[in-house]
C-alpha atoms as a PDB file:
ATOM      1  CA  UNK A   1     115.094  35.280  74.501  1.00  0.00           C
ATOM      2  CA  UNK A   2     111.628  36.860  74.531  1.00  0.00           C
ATOM      3  CA  UNK A   3     110.773  35.098  71.247  1.00  0.00           C
ATOM      4  CA  UNK A   4     111.318  31.648  72.738  1.00  0.00           C
ATOM      5  CA  UNK A   5     107.818  30.215  72.330  1.00  0.00           C
ATOM      6  CA  UNK A   6     108.092  27.291  74.800  1.00  0.00           C
ATOM      7  CA  UNK A   7     108.079  29.838  77.649  1.00  0.00           C
ATOM      8  CA  UNK A   8     104.675  31.049  76.514  1.00  0.00           C
ATOM      9  CA  UNK A   9     103.482  27.475  76.039  1.00  0.00           C
ATOM     10  CA  UNK A  10     104.234  26.616  79.663  1.00  0.00           C
ATOM     11  CA  UNK A  11     102.660  29.871  80.847  1.00  0.00           C
ATOM     12  CA  UNK A  12      99.448  29.056  78.979  1.00  0.00           C
ATOM     13  CA  UNK A  13      99.319  25.607  80.567  1.00  0.00           C
ATOM     14  CA  UNK A  14     100.201  26.825  84.059  1.00  0.00           C
ATOM     15  CA  UNK A  15      97.696  29.674  84.105  1.00  0.00           C
ATOM     16  CA  UNK A  16      94.926  27.428  82.750  1.00  0.00           C
ATOM     17  CA  UNK A  17      95.664  24.692  85.293  1.00  0.00           C
ATOM     18  CA  UNK A  18      95.595  27.327  88.038  1.00  0.00           C
ATOM     19  CA  UNK A  19      92.238  28.579  86.757  1.00  0.00           C
ATOM     20  CA  UNK A  20      93.448  32.038  85.756  1.00  0.00           C
ATOM     21  CA  UNK A  21      91.894  32.019  82.302  1.00  0.00           C
ATOM     22  CA  UNK A  22      92.467  35.734  81.679  1.00  0.00           C
ATOM     23  CA  UNK A  23      96.246  35.326  82.012  1.00  0.00           C
ATOM     24  CA  UNK A  24      96.086  32.034  80.081  1.00  0.00           C
ATOM     25  CA  UNK A  25      94.349  33.852  77.219  1.00  0.00           C
ATOM     26  CA  UNK A  26      97.004  36.582  77.182  1.00  0.00           C
ATOM     27  CA  UNK A  27      99.804  34.006  77.131  1.00  0.00           C
ATOM     28  CA  UNK A  28      97.960  32.015  74.432  1.00  0.00           C
ATOM     29  CA  UNK A  29      97.749  35.130  72.262  1.00  0.00           C
ATOM     30  CA  UNK A  30     101.514  35.673  72.603  1.00  0.00           C
ATOM     31  CA  UNK A  31     102.181  31.983  71.945  1.00  0.00           C
ATOM     32  CA  UNK A  32     100.107  31.965  68.766  1.00  0.00           C
ATOM     33  CA  UNK A  33     101.904  35.066  67.495  1.00  0.00           C
ATOM     34  CA  UNK A  34     105.251  33.308  67.993  1.00  0.00           C
ATOM     35  CA  UNK A  35     104.143  29.811  66.938  1.00  0.00           C
ATOM     36  CA  UNK A  36     100.906  29.999  64.939  1.00  0.00           C
ATOM     37  CA  UNK A  37     100.875  26.288  64.053  1.00  0.00           C
ATOM     38  CA  UNK A  38     101.042  24.999  67.625  1.00  0.00           C
ATOM     39  CA  UNK A  39      98.661  22.139  68.403  1.00  0.00           C
ATOM     40  CA  UNK A  40      98.383  19.318  70.919  1.00  0.00           C
ATOM     41  CA  UNK A  41      99.089  16.800  68.153  1.00  0.00           C
ATOM     42  CA  UNK A  42     102.301  18.595  67.105  1.00  0.00           C
ATOM     43  CA  UNK A  43     103.489  18.818  70.708  1.00  0.00           C
ATOM     44  CA  UNK A  44     102.901  15.100  71.254  1.00  0.00           C
ATOM     45  CA  UNK A  45     104.901  14.380  68.097  1.00  0.00           C
ATOM     46  CA  UNK A  46     107.958  16.250  69.411  1.00  0.00           C
ATOM     47  CA  UNK A  47     108.467  13.528  72.078  1.00  0.00           C
ATOM     48  CA  UNK A  48     111.302  15.064  74.058  1.00  0.00           C
ATOM     49  CA  UNK A  49     111.470  11.854  76.087  1.00  0.00           C
ATOM     50  CA  UNK A  50     110.134   8.305  75.910  1.00  0.00           C
ATOM     51  CA  UNK A  51     110.164   8.005  79.684  1.00  0.00           C
ATOM     52  CA  UNK A  52     106.648   6.906  80.733  1.00  0.00           C
ATOM     53  CA  UNK A  53     106.712   9.129  83.837  1.00  0.00           C
ATOM     54  CA  UNK A  54     107.635  12.165  81.748  1.00  0.00           C
ATOM     55  CA  UNK A  55     104.921  11.415  79.195  1.00  0.00           C
ATOM     56  CA  UNK A  56     102.298  11.015  81.933  1.00  0.00           C
ATOM     57  CA  UNK A  57     103.299  14.281  83.603  1.00  0.00           C
ATOM     58  CA  UNK A  58     103.253  16.053  80.250  1.00  0.00           C
ATOM     59  CA  UNK A  59      99.727  14.794  79.508  1.00  0.00           C
ATOM     60  CA  UNK A  60      98.425  15.514  83.010  1.00  0.00           C
ATOM     61  CA  UNK A  61      99.869  18.961  83.505  1.00  0.00           C
ATOM     62  CA  UNK A  62     101.027  20.615  80.296  1.00  0.00           C
ATOM     63  CA  UNK A  63      98.789  19.216  77.571  1.00  0.00           C
ATOM     64  CA  UNK A  64      95.700  19.214  79.788  1.00  0.00           C
ATOM     65  CA  UNK A  65      96.344  22.870  80.620  1.00  0.00           C
ATOM     66  CA  UNK A  66      96.752  23.733  76.966  1.00  0.00           C
ATOM     67  CA  UNK A  67      93.458  22.001  76.192  1.00  0.00           C
ATOM     68  CA  UNK A  68      91.728  23.993  78.949  1.00  0.00           C
ATOM     69  CA  UNK A  69      93.085  27.189  77.396  1.00  0.00           C
ATOM     70  CA  UNK A  70      91.729  26.251  73.975  1.00  0.00           C
ATOM     71  CA  UNK A  71      94.820  25.136  72.099  1.00  0.00           C
ATOM     72  CA  UNK A  72      93.533  23.029  69.231  1.00  0.00           C
ATOM     73  CA  UNK A  73      94.067  19.263  69.055  1.00  0.00           C
ATOM     74  CA  UNK A  74      95.191  19.423  65.409  1.00  0.00           C
END
């Protein structure tokens, strides 16, 4: 289960939102080793749900955290 990249994705976002950029950078490095083509655009395209509340929470918390940590838009 240690190669399950979404765990690292959420860690990157959580650490960045918390302001712990050192841990966010470590998690980002692991994420990019597991999923080198990850981008904000690709994550938006996955669309796990069409629920507006889910999409808003995803933008506000997860995707914003990934942006803070330097995950590329495309």
